[in-house]
Amino acid sequence: MKHEILVVEDEQDTADLLKRVLEREGFSVLQAKDGRQASTLVGTVRPPSLILLDLVIPYVSGPELLKLFRHHPDWKDIPVIVVSADHYEPDIQRALREGATAYVTKQKGSAGLLQAVKRLLAAAPAQDQIVADVASAAPQTRRVSMRRRLQSSQKKKRAA
């Protein structure tokens, strides 16, 4: 099954670069150039495997989109990687508290982003995929935060 990634990015150069890098790795890419276009997709397309979200975008902000994703029944469990130029630690922690799965700064380049994408997709059981050791698949950028979330998710699944 080919993973589809939604890229929400208003800077066309950055969006094109992300698309090229992801497609080269075998992913299918869906793009939204602003928050309004991304919010429209929530009700009209099948949820993607993962979302790359810039926080500073026109019309509907990244944090507002994150809330929308987390409150929509079909999209609430989709991993969201915030891709931002901002590396201010309180902003990073806020994004993670509000539902981002991971946070990657644009300055780190595509290698760090691809590593996070691959680890999250390996950790998130797809419809036809089960991963035995989810906690080991947490991205290094936010390993402690991700490990806690994944362990909590595993406990909930075992209790159900």
N, C-alpha and C. Protein backbone atom coordinates (compact mmCIF):
# COMPACT_ATOMS: atom_id res chain seq x y z
N MET A 1 0.85 -1.19 0.00
CA MET A 1 0.00 0.00 0.00
C MET A 1 0.89 1.25 0.00
N LYS A 2 0.68 2.14 -0.95
CA LYS A 2 1.46 3.36 -1.06
C LYS A 2 0.90 4.39 -0.08
N HIS A 3 1.77 4.94 0.76
CA HIS A 3 1.35 5.94 1.73
C HIS A 3 1.15 7.29 1.05
N GLU A 4 0.05 7.95 1.40
CA GLU A 4 -0.21 9.29 0.89
C GLU A 4 0.09 10.28 2.01
N ILE A 5 0.79 11.35 1.65
CA ILE A 5 1.16 12.38 2.61
C ILE A 5 0.56 13.70 2.16
N LEU A 6 -0.14 14.36 3.07
CA LEU A 6 -0.68 15.68 2.81
C LEU A 6 0.36 16.70 3.26
N VAL A 7 0.76 17.58 2.35
CA VAL A 7 1.71 18.65 2.65
C VAL A 7 0.93 19.96 2.65
N VAL A 8 0.89 20.62 3.80
CA VAL A 8 0.22 21.91 3.93
C VAL A 8 1.32 22.96 4.07
N GLU A 9 1.58 23.65 2.98
CA GLU A 9 2.70 24.60 2.91
C GLU A 9 2.36 25.70 1.92
N ASP A 10 2.48 26.97 2.35
CA ASP A 10 2.12 28.08 1.47
C ASP A 10 3.28 28.57 0.61
N GLU A 11 4.51 28.29 0.99
CA GLU A 11 5.66 28.70 0.17
C GLU A 11 5.85 27.67 -0.94
N GLN A 12 5.63 28.08 -2.18
CA GLN A 12 5.63 27.15 -3.31
C GLN A 12 6.97 26.42 -3.48
N ASP A 13 8.08 27.14 -3.28
CA ASP A 13 9.40 26.49 -3.42
C ASP A 13 9.56 25.36 -2.41
N THR A 14 9.16 25.62 -1.18
CA THR A 14 9.26 24.61 -0.12
C THR A 14 8.32 23.45 -0.40
N ALA A 15 7.10 23.76 -0.82
CA ALA A 15 6.12 22.71 -1.14
C ALA A 15 6.63 21.82 -2.28
N ASP A 16 7.19 22.44 -3.30
CA ASP A 16 7.72 21.67 -4.43
C ASP A 16 8.89 20.79 -4.01
N LEU A 17 9.77 21.32 -3.17
CA LEU A 17 10.91 20.55 -2.68
C LEU A 17 10.43 19.35 -1.86
N LEU A 18 9.48 19.58 -0.96
CA LEU A 18 8.94 18.49 -0.14
C LEU A 18 8.31 17.43 -1.03
N LYS A 19 7.56 17.87 -2.02
CA LYS A 19 6.91 16.92 -2.93
C LYS A 19 7.95 16.06 -3.65
N ARG A 20 8.98 16.69 -4.20
CA ARG A 20 10.03 15.95 -4.92
C ARG A 20 10.72 14.94 -4.02
N VAL A 21 11.09 15.38 -2.82
CA VAL A 21 11.80 14.50 -1.88
C VAL A 21 10.92 13.31 -1.49
N LEU A 22 9.65 13.57 -1.20
CA LEU A 22 8.75 12.50 -0.78
C LEU A 22 8.43 11.54 -1.92
N GLU A 23 8.18 12.08 -3.11
CA GLU A 23 7.88 11.21 -4.25
C GLU A 23 9.09 10.35 -4.63
N ARG A 24 10.27 10.90 -4.47
CA ARG A 24 11.49 10.13 -4.75
C ARG A 24 11.60 8.93 -3.80
N GLU A 25 11.02 9.06 -2.61
CA GLU A 25 11.03 7.97 -1.63
C GLU A 25 9.85 7.02 -1.81
N GLY A 26 9.01 7.29 -2.82
CA GLY A 26 7.91 6.39 -3.12
C GLY A 26 6.57 6.74 -2.50
N PHE A 27 6.47 7.93 -1.91
CA PHE A 27 5.21 8.36 -1.31
C PHE A 27 4.35 9.10 -2.34
N SER A 28 3.05 9.03 -2.16
CA SER A 28 2.12 9.82 -2.94
C SER A 28 1.90 11.12 -2.17
N VAL A 29 1.87 12.26 -2.86
CA VAL A 29 1.79 13.55 -2.18
C VAL A 29 0.56 14.32 -2.64
N LEU A 30 -0.18 14.81 -1.65
CA LEU A 30 -1.32 15.69 -1.86
C LEU A 30 -0.93 17.02 -1.25
N GLN A 31 -1.12 18.13 -1.98
CA GLN A 31 -0.69 19.43 -1.48
C GLN A 31 -1.87 20.36 -1.23
N ALA A 32 -1.72 21.17 -0.17
CA ALA A 32 -2.66 22.26 0.11
C ALA A 32 -1.80 23.50 0.32
N LYS A 33 -2.15 24.58 -0.41
CA LYS A 33 -1.31 25.78 -0.36
C LYS A 33 -1.67 26.74 0.76
N ASP A 34 -2.79 26.49 1.43
CA ASP A 34 -3.17 27.34 2.55
C ASP A 34 -4.14 26.57 3.47
N GLY A 35 -4.45 27.19 4.60
CA GLY A 35 -5.31 26.54 5.58
C GLY A 35 -6.72 26.30 5.10
N ARG A 36 -7.23 27.19 4.30
CA ARG A 36 -8.60 27.02 3.78
C ARG A 36 -8.68 25.79 2.88
N GLN A 37 -7.71 25.64 2.00
CA GLN A 37 -7.69 24.49 1.10
C GLN A 37 -7.51 23.18 1.91
N ALA A 38 -6.67 23.21 2.91
CA ALA A 38 -6.46 22.02 3.74
C ALA A 38 -7.72 21.66 4.52
N SER A 39 -8.41 22.66 5.07
CA SER A 39 -9.62 22.36 5.84
C SER A 39 -10.72 21.81 4.95
N THR A 40 -10.77 22.22 3.69
CA THR A 40 -11.74 21.68 2.73
C THR A 40 -11.45 20.20 2.45
N LEU A 41 -10.19 19.85 2.41
CA LEU A 41 -9.81 18.46 2.16
C LEU A 41 -10.30 17.52 3.26
N VAL A 42 -10.37 18.02 4.48
CA VAL A 42 -10.77 17.18 5.61
C VAL A 42 -12.14 16.55 5.38
N GLY A 43 -13.04 17.25 4.79
CA GLY A 43 -14.37 16.71 4.56
C GLY A 43 -14.58 16.06 3.20
N THR A 44 -13.57 16.13 2.33
CA THR A 44 -13.82 15.68 0.96
C THR A 44 -12.92 14.56 0.46
N VAL A 45 -11.80 14.29 1.11
CA VAL A 45 -10.91 13.23 0.64
C VAL A 45 -10.67 12.20 1.75
N ARG A 46 -10.22 11.03 1.33
CA ARG A 46 -9.86 10.00 2.29
C ARG A 46 -8.66 10.49 3.10
N PRO A 47 -8.64 10.24 4.40
CA PRO A 47 -7.51 10.72 5.21
C PRO A 47 -6.18 10.18 4.72
N PRO A 48 -5.15 11.02 4.73
CA PRO A 48 -3.82 10.57 4.30
C PRO A 48 -3.18 9.71 5.39
N SER A 49 -2.03 9.14 5.07
CA SER A 49 -1.28 8.36 6.05
C SER A 49 -0.56 9.25 7.05
N LEU A 50 -0.22 10.48 6.61
CA LEU A 50 0.55 11.40 7.44
C LEU A 50 0.35 12.81 6.90
N ILE A 51 0.50 13.80 7.78
CA ILE A 51 0.36 15.20 7.39
C ILE A 51 1.64 15.95 7.77
N LEU A 52 2.16 16.74 6.82
CA LEU A 52 3.24 17.69 7.09
C LEU A 52 2.59 19.06 7.12
N LEU A 53 2.72 19.76 8.22
CA LEU A 53 1.98 21.00 8.43
C LEU A 53 2.89 22.16 8.80
N ASP A 54 2.86 23.20 7.99
CA ASP A 54 3.52 24.46 8.33
C ASP A 54 2.56 25.20 9.25
N LEU A 55 3.08 25.86 10.28
CA LEU A 55 2.20 26.56 11.23
C LEU A 55 1.75 27.93 10.74
N VAL A 56 2.60 28.59 9.95
CA VAL A 56 2.28 29.95 9.51
C VAL A 56 1.82 29.88 8.06
N ILE A 57 0.49 29.81 7.89
CA ILE A 57 -0.13 29.72 6.57
C ILE A 57 -1.34 30.63 6.52
N PRO A 58 -1.75 31.07 5.34
CA PRO A 58 -2.88 31.99 5.23
C PRO A 58 -4.24 31.34 5.50
N TYR A 59 -5.18 32.19 5.86
CA TYR A 59 -6.61 31.90 6.02
C TYR A 59 -6.96 31.10 7.26
N VAL A 60 -6.49 29.89 7.38
CA VAL A 60 -6.69 29.09 8.59
C VAL A 60 -5.29 28.71 9.05
N SER A 61 -4.93 29.10 10.27
CA SER A 61 -3.55 28.88 10.74
C SER A 61 -3.26 27.40 10.99
N GLY A 62 -1.98 27.10 11.07
CA GLY A 62 -1.55 25.73 11.36
C GLY A 62 -2.12 25.20 12.67
N PRO A 63 -2.05 25.98 13.77
CA PRO A 63 -2.63 25.49 15.02
C PRO A 63 -4.14 25.24 14.92
N GLU A 64 -4.85 26.08 14.17
CA GLU A 64 -6.29 25.84 13.98
C GLU A 64 -6.53 24.56 13.18
N LEU A 65 -5.71 24.33 12.16
CA LEU A 65 -5.83 23.10 11.38
C LEU A 65 -5.54 21.87 12.25
N LEU A 66 -4.54 21.99 13.08
CA LEU A 66 -4.19 20.89 13.97
C LEU A 66 -5.38 20.52 14.86
N LYS A 67 -6.07 21.53 15.38
CA LYS A 67 -7.28 21.28 16.18
C LYS A 67 -8.36 20.61 15.33
N LEU A 68 -8.53 21.08 14.11
CA LEU A 68 -9.51 20.49 13.21
C LEU A 68 -9.18 19.02 12.96
N PHE A 69 -7.92 18.73 12.68
CA PHE A 69 -7.51 17.34 12.44
C PHE A 69 -7.79 16.48 13.67
N ARG A 70 -7.46 16.98 14.85
CA ARG A 70 -7.60 16.20 16.08
C ARG A 70 -9.05 16.00 16.52
N HIS A 71 -9.95 16.85 16.03
CA HIS A 71 -11.37 16.72 16.41
C HIS A 71 -12.21 15.99 15.37
N HIS A 72 -11.66 15.75 14.19
CA HIS A 72 -12.41 15.05 13.15
C HIS A 72 -12.25 13.54 13.36
N PRO A 73 -13.35 12.79 13.42
CA PRO A 73 -13.26 11.36 13.74
C PRO A 73 -12.39 10.55 12.77
N ASP A 74 -12.37 10.90 11.50
CA ASP A 74 -11.58 10.14 10.54
C ASP A 74 -10.12 10.59 10.47
N TRP A 75 -9.81 11.76 10.98
CA TRP A 75 -8.47 12.32 10.87
C TRP A 75 -7.74 12.41 12.21
N LYS A 76 -8.41 12.15 13.30
CA LYS A 76 -7.84 12.42 14.63
C LYS A 76 -6.57 11.61 14.94
N ASP A 77 -6.41 10.44 14.35
CA ASP A 77 -5.25 9.62 14.65
C ASP A 77 -4.15 9.70 13.60
N ILE A 78 -4.31 10.58 12.62
CA ILE A 78 -3.29 10.74 11.57
C ILE A 78 -2.07 11.43 12.19
N PRO A 79 -0.87 10.86 12.03
CA PRO A 79 0.32 11.55 12.54
C PRO A 79 0.51 12.88 11.82
N VAL A 80 0.84 13.92 12.60
CA VAL A 80 1.08 15.25 12.05
C VAL A 80 2.48 15.69 12.44
N ILE A 81 3.30 15.94 11.42
CA ILE A 81 4.63 16.49 11.67
C ILE A 81 4.57 17.97 11.34
N VAL A 82 4.83 18.80 12.34
CA VAL A 82 4.91 20.24 12.10
C VAL A 82 6.28 20.50 11.48
N VAL A 83 6.27 21.17 10.34
CA VAL A 83 7.49 21.55 9.64
C VAL A 83 7.52 23.07 9.65
N SER A 84 8.42 23.62 10.45
CA SER A 84 8.40 25.06 10.67
C SER A 84 9.81 25.64 10.69
N ALA A 85 9.92 26.90 10.34
CA ALA A 85 11.19 27.60 10.43
C ALA A 85 11.46 27.99 11.89
N ASP A 86 10.43 27.98 12.71
CA ASP A 86 10.53 28.36 14.12
C ASP A 86 11.18 27.25 14.94
N HIS A 87 12.25 27.58 15.64
CA HIS A 87 12.89 26.59 16.50
C HIS A 87 12.89 27.05 17.96
N TYR A 88 11.93 27.90 18.32
CA TYR A 88 11.77 28.40 19.68
C TYR A 88 11.11 27.31 20.52
N GLU A 89 11.82 26.84 21.52
CA GLU A 89 11.39 25.67 22.30
C GLU A 89 9.96 25.76 22.86
N PRO A 90 9.52 26.90 23.42
CA PRO A 90 8.13 26.95 23.91
C PRO A 90 7.10 26.73 22.79
N ASP A 91 7.39 27.21 21.59
CA ASP A 91 6.47 26.99 20.46
C ASP A 91 6.45 25.52 20.06
N ILE A 92 7.60 24.89 20.12
CA ILE A 92 7.67 23.46 19.80
C ILE A 92 6.85 22.67 20.81
N GLN A 93 7.04 22.96 22.09
CA GLN A 93 6.30 22.25 23.14
C GLN A 93 4.80 22.49 23.02
N ARG A 94 4.42 23.71 22.67
CA ARG A 94 2.99 24.03 22.49
C ARG A 94 2.39 23.20 21.36
N ALA A 95 3.09 23.12 20.23
CA ALA A 95 2.60 22.34 19.09
C ALA A 95 2.44 20.87 19.48
N LEU A 96 3.38 20.33 20.22
CA LEU A 96 3.30 18.94 20.65
C LEU A 96 2.14 18.73 21.63
N ARG A 97 1.95 19.68 22.53
CA ARG A 97 0.81 19.59 23.48
C ARG A 97 -0.52 19.65 22.76
N GLU A 98 -0.59 20.42 21.68
CA GLU A 98 -1.85 20.61 20.97
C GLU A 98 -2.13 19.51 19.95
N GLY A 99 -1.27 18.51 19.89
CA GLY A 99 -1.60 17.37 19.06
C GLY A 99 -0.63 17.02 17.95
N ALA A 100 0.42 17.81 17.77
CA ALA A 100 1.42 17.43 16.76
C ALA A 100 2.12 16.17 17.24
N THR A 101 2.41 15.30 16.32
CA THR A 101 3.09 14.06 16.65
C THR A 101 4.60 14.28 16.74
N ALA A 102 5.12 15.15 15.89
CA ALA A 102 6.55 15.48 15.89
C ALA A 102 6.71 16.88 15.34
N TYR A 103 7.90 17.45 15.54
CA TYR A 103 8.20 18.80 15.11
C TYR A 103 9.58 18.78 14.47
N VAL A 104 9.67 19.23 13.23
CA VAL A 104 10.95 19.27 12.52
C VAL A 104 11.15 20.68 11.99
N THR A 105 12.31 21.26 12.27
CA THR A 105 12.58 22.59 11.75
C THR A 105 13.08 22.49 10.31
N LYS A 106 12.73 23.47 9.53
CA LYS A 106 13.12 23.48 8.11
C LYS A 106 14.63 23.53 7.94
N GLN A 107 15.34 24.12 8.90
CA GLN A 107 16.79 24.23 8.79
C GLN A 107 17.47 22.87 8.86
N LYS A 108 16.83 21.87 9.40
CA LYS A 108 17.47 20.56 9.53
C LYS A 108 17.57 19.83 8.19
N GLY A 109 16.88 20.30 7.19
CA GLY A 109 16.97 19.68 5.88
C GLY A 109 16.06 18.48 5.72
N SER A 110 16.13 17.87 4.55
CA SER A 110 15.19 16.80 4.23
C SER A 110 15.54 15.48 4.91
N ALA A 111 16.79 15.27 5.29
CA ALA A 111 17.17 13.99 5.90
C ALA A 111 16.44 13.77 7.22
N GLY A 112 16.42 14.78 8.08
CA GLY A 112 15.72 14.67 9.36
C GLY A 112 14.23 14.50 9.17
N LEU A 113 13.68 15.18 8.20
CA LEU A 113 12.25 15.08 7.92
C LEU A 113 11.90 13.68 7.41
N LEU A 114 12.68 13.18 6.47
CA LEU A 114 12.43 11.83 5.94
C LEU A 114 12.54 10.77 7.03
N GLN A 115 13.48 10.95 7.92
CA GLN A 115 13.64 10.00 9.02
C GLN A 115 12.38 10.00 9.89
N ALA A 116 11.87 11.19 10.22
CA ALA A 116 10.66 11.28 11.03
C ALA A 116 9.45 10.69 10.30
N VAL A 117 9.32 10.99 9.01
CA VAL A 117 8.20 10.46 8.21
C VAL A 117 8.23 8.93 8.21
N LYS A 118 9.37 8.36 7.91
CA LYS A 118 9.48 6.90 7.82
C LYS A 118 9.22 6.23 9.16
N ARG A 119 9.72 6.81 10.22
CA ARG A 119 9.50 6.22 11.54
C ARG A 119 8.04 6.30 11.95
N LEU A 120 7.40 7.42 11.68
CA LEU A 120 5.99 7.54 12.06
C LEU A 120 5.10 6.63 11.22
N LEU A 121 5.40 6.52 9.95
CA LEU A 121 4.59 5.62 9.11
C LEU A 121 4.82 4.17 9.49
N ALA A 122 6.01 3.85 9.94
CA ALA A 122 6.27 2.49 10.41
C ALA A 122 5.55 2.24 11.74
N ALA A 123 5.40 3.29 12.54
CA ALA A 123 4.77 3.15 13.86
C ALA A 123 3.25 3.16 13.78
N ALA A 124 2.69 3.83 12.78
CA ALA A 124 1.24 3.93 12.65
C ALA A 124 0.73 2.75 11.85
N PRO A 125 0.02 1.83 12.47
CA PRO A 125 -0.47 0.68 11.72
C PRO A 125 -1.40 1.13 10.59
N ALA A 126 -1.01 0.82 9.38
CA ALA A 126 -1.87 1.10 8.24
C ALA A 126 -2.97 0.04 8.20
N GLN A 127 -3.91 0.16 7.30
CA GLN A 127 -5.02 -0.77 7.23
C GLN A 127 -4.53 -2.20 7.03
N ASP A 128 -3.46 -2.37 6.29
CA ASP A 128 -2.98 -3.72 6.01
C ASP A 128 -1.61 -3.99 6.64
N GLN A 129 -1.28 -3.24 7.69
CA GLN A 129 0.05 -3.34 8.27
C GLN A 129 -0.03 -3.32 9.79
N ILE A 130 0.69 -4.21 10.46
CA ILE A 130 0.77 -4.21 11.92
C ILE A 130 2.24 -4.15 12.28
N VAL A 131 2.58 -3.25 13.18
CA VAL A 131 3.96 -3.11 13.62
C VAL A 131 4.04 -3.59 15.06
N ALA A 132 4.93 -4.54 15.32
CA ALA A 132 5.03 -5.15 16.64
C ALA A 132 5.61 -4.20 17.68
N ASP A 133 6.70 -3.54 17.38
CA ASP A 133 7.35 -2.70 18.37
C ASP A 133 7.23 -1.24 17.99
N VAL A 134 6.12 -0.63 18.32
CA VAL A 134 5.84 0.74 17.91
C VAL A 134 6.75 1.73 18.63
N ALA A 135 7.02 1.51 19.90
CA ALA A 135 7.81 2.47 20.66
C ALA A 135 9.20 2.66 20.07
N SER A 136 9.79 1.65 19.49
CA SER A 136 11.13 1.78 18.92
C SER A 136 11.13 2.59 17.63
N ALA A 137 9.96 2.87 17.08
CA ALA A 137 9.88 3.61 15.83
C ALA A 137 9.71 5.11 16.03
N ALA A 138 9.83 5.60 17.26
CA ALA A 138 9.62 7.02 17.54
C ALA A 138 10.75 7.84 16.94
N PRO A 139 10.42 9.02 16.37
CA PRO A 139 11.46 9.86 15.78
C PRO A 139 12.42 10.39 16.83
N GLN A 140 13.70 10.48 16.50
CA GLN A 140 14.70 10.94 17.45
C GLN A 140 14.47 12.38 17.85
N THR A 141 13.88 13.19 17.01
CA THR A 141 13.72 14.60 17.32
C THR A 141 12.87 14.82 18.57
N ARG A 142 11.91 13.98 18.82
CA ARG A 142 11.05 14.11 19.98
C ARG A 142 10.77 12.72 20.56
N ARG A 143 11.83 11.95 20.78
CA ARG A 143 11.69 10.55 21.18
C ARG A 143 10.90 10.38 22.47
N VAL A 144 11.17 11.16 23.51
CA VAL A 144 10.49 10.98 24.79
C VAL A 144 9.00 11.25 24.65
N SER A 145 8.66 12.35 24.02
CA SER A 145 7.25 12.70 23.84
C SER A 145 6.52 11.64 23.01
N MET A 146 7.13 11.20 21.92
CA MET A 146 6.50 10.20 21.06
C MET A 146 6.36 8.87 21.79
N ARG A 147 7.39 8.46 22.53
CA ARG A 147 7.35 7.18 23.23
C ARG A 147 6.19 7.17 24.20
N ARG A 148 5.99 8.26 24.95
CA ARG A 148 4.87 8.32 25.89
C ARG A 148 3.54 8.21 25.17
N ARG A 149 3.39 8.92 24.06
CA ARG A 149 2.13 8.85 23.31
C ARG A 149 1.87 7.46 22.76
N LEU A 150 2.90 6.85 22.22
CA LEU A 150 2.73 5.52 21.64
C LEU A 150 2.45 4.48 22.71
N GLN A 151 3.12 4.58 23.85
CA GLN A 151 2.87 3.63 24.93
C GLN A 151 1.46 3.80 25.47
N SER A 152 1.02 5.05 25.59
CA SER A 152 -0.35 5.30 26.04
C SER A 152 -1.36 4.73 25.05
N SER A 153 -1.09 4.91 23.78
CA SER A 153 -1.96 4.37 22.73
C SER A 153 -2.01 2.85 22.79
N GLN A 154 -0.85 2.22 23.02
CA GLN A 154 -0.81 0.77 23.11
C GLN A 154 -1.60 0.28 24.32
N LYS A 155 -1.50 0.98 25.46
CA LYS A 155 -2.24 0.60 26.65
C LYS A 155 -3.74 0.67 26.40
N LYS A 156 -4.18 1.73 25.73
CA LYS A 156 -5.61 1.88 25.42
C LYS A 156 -6.10 0.75 24.53
N LYS A 157 -5.28 0.38 23.54
CA LYS A 157 -5.67 -0.70 22.63
C LYS A 157 -5.75 -2.03 23.36
N ARG A 158 -4.81 -2.28 24.29
CA ARG A 158 -4.84 -3.53 25.05
C ARG A 158 -6.03 -3.59 26.00
N ALA A 159 -6.41 -2.42 26.53
CA ALA A 159 -7.55 -2.37 27.46
C ALA A 159 -8.87 -2.57 26.74
N ALA A 160 -8.92 -2.21 25.47
CA ALA A 160 -10.18 -2.31 24.71
C ALA A 160 -10.53 -3.70 24.31
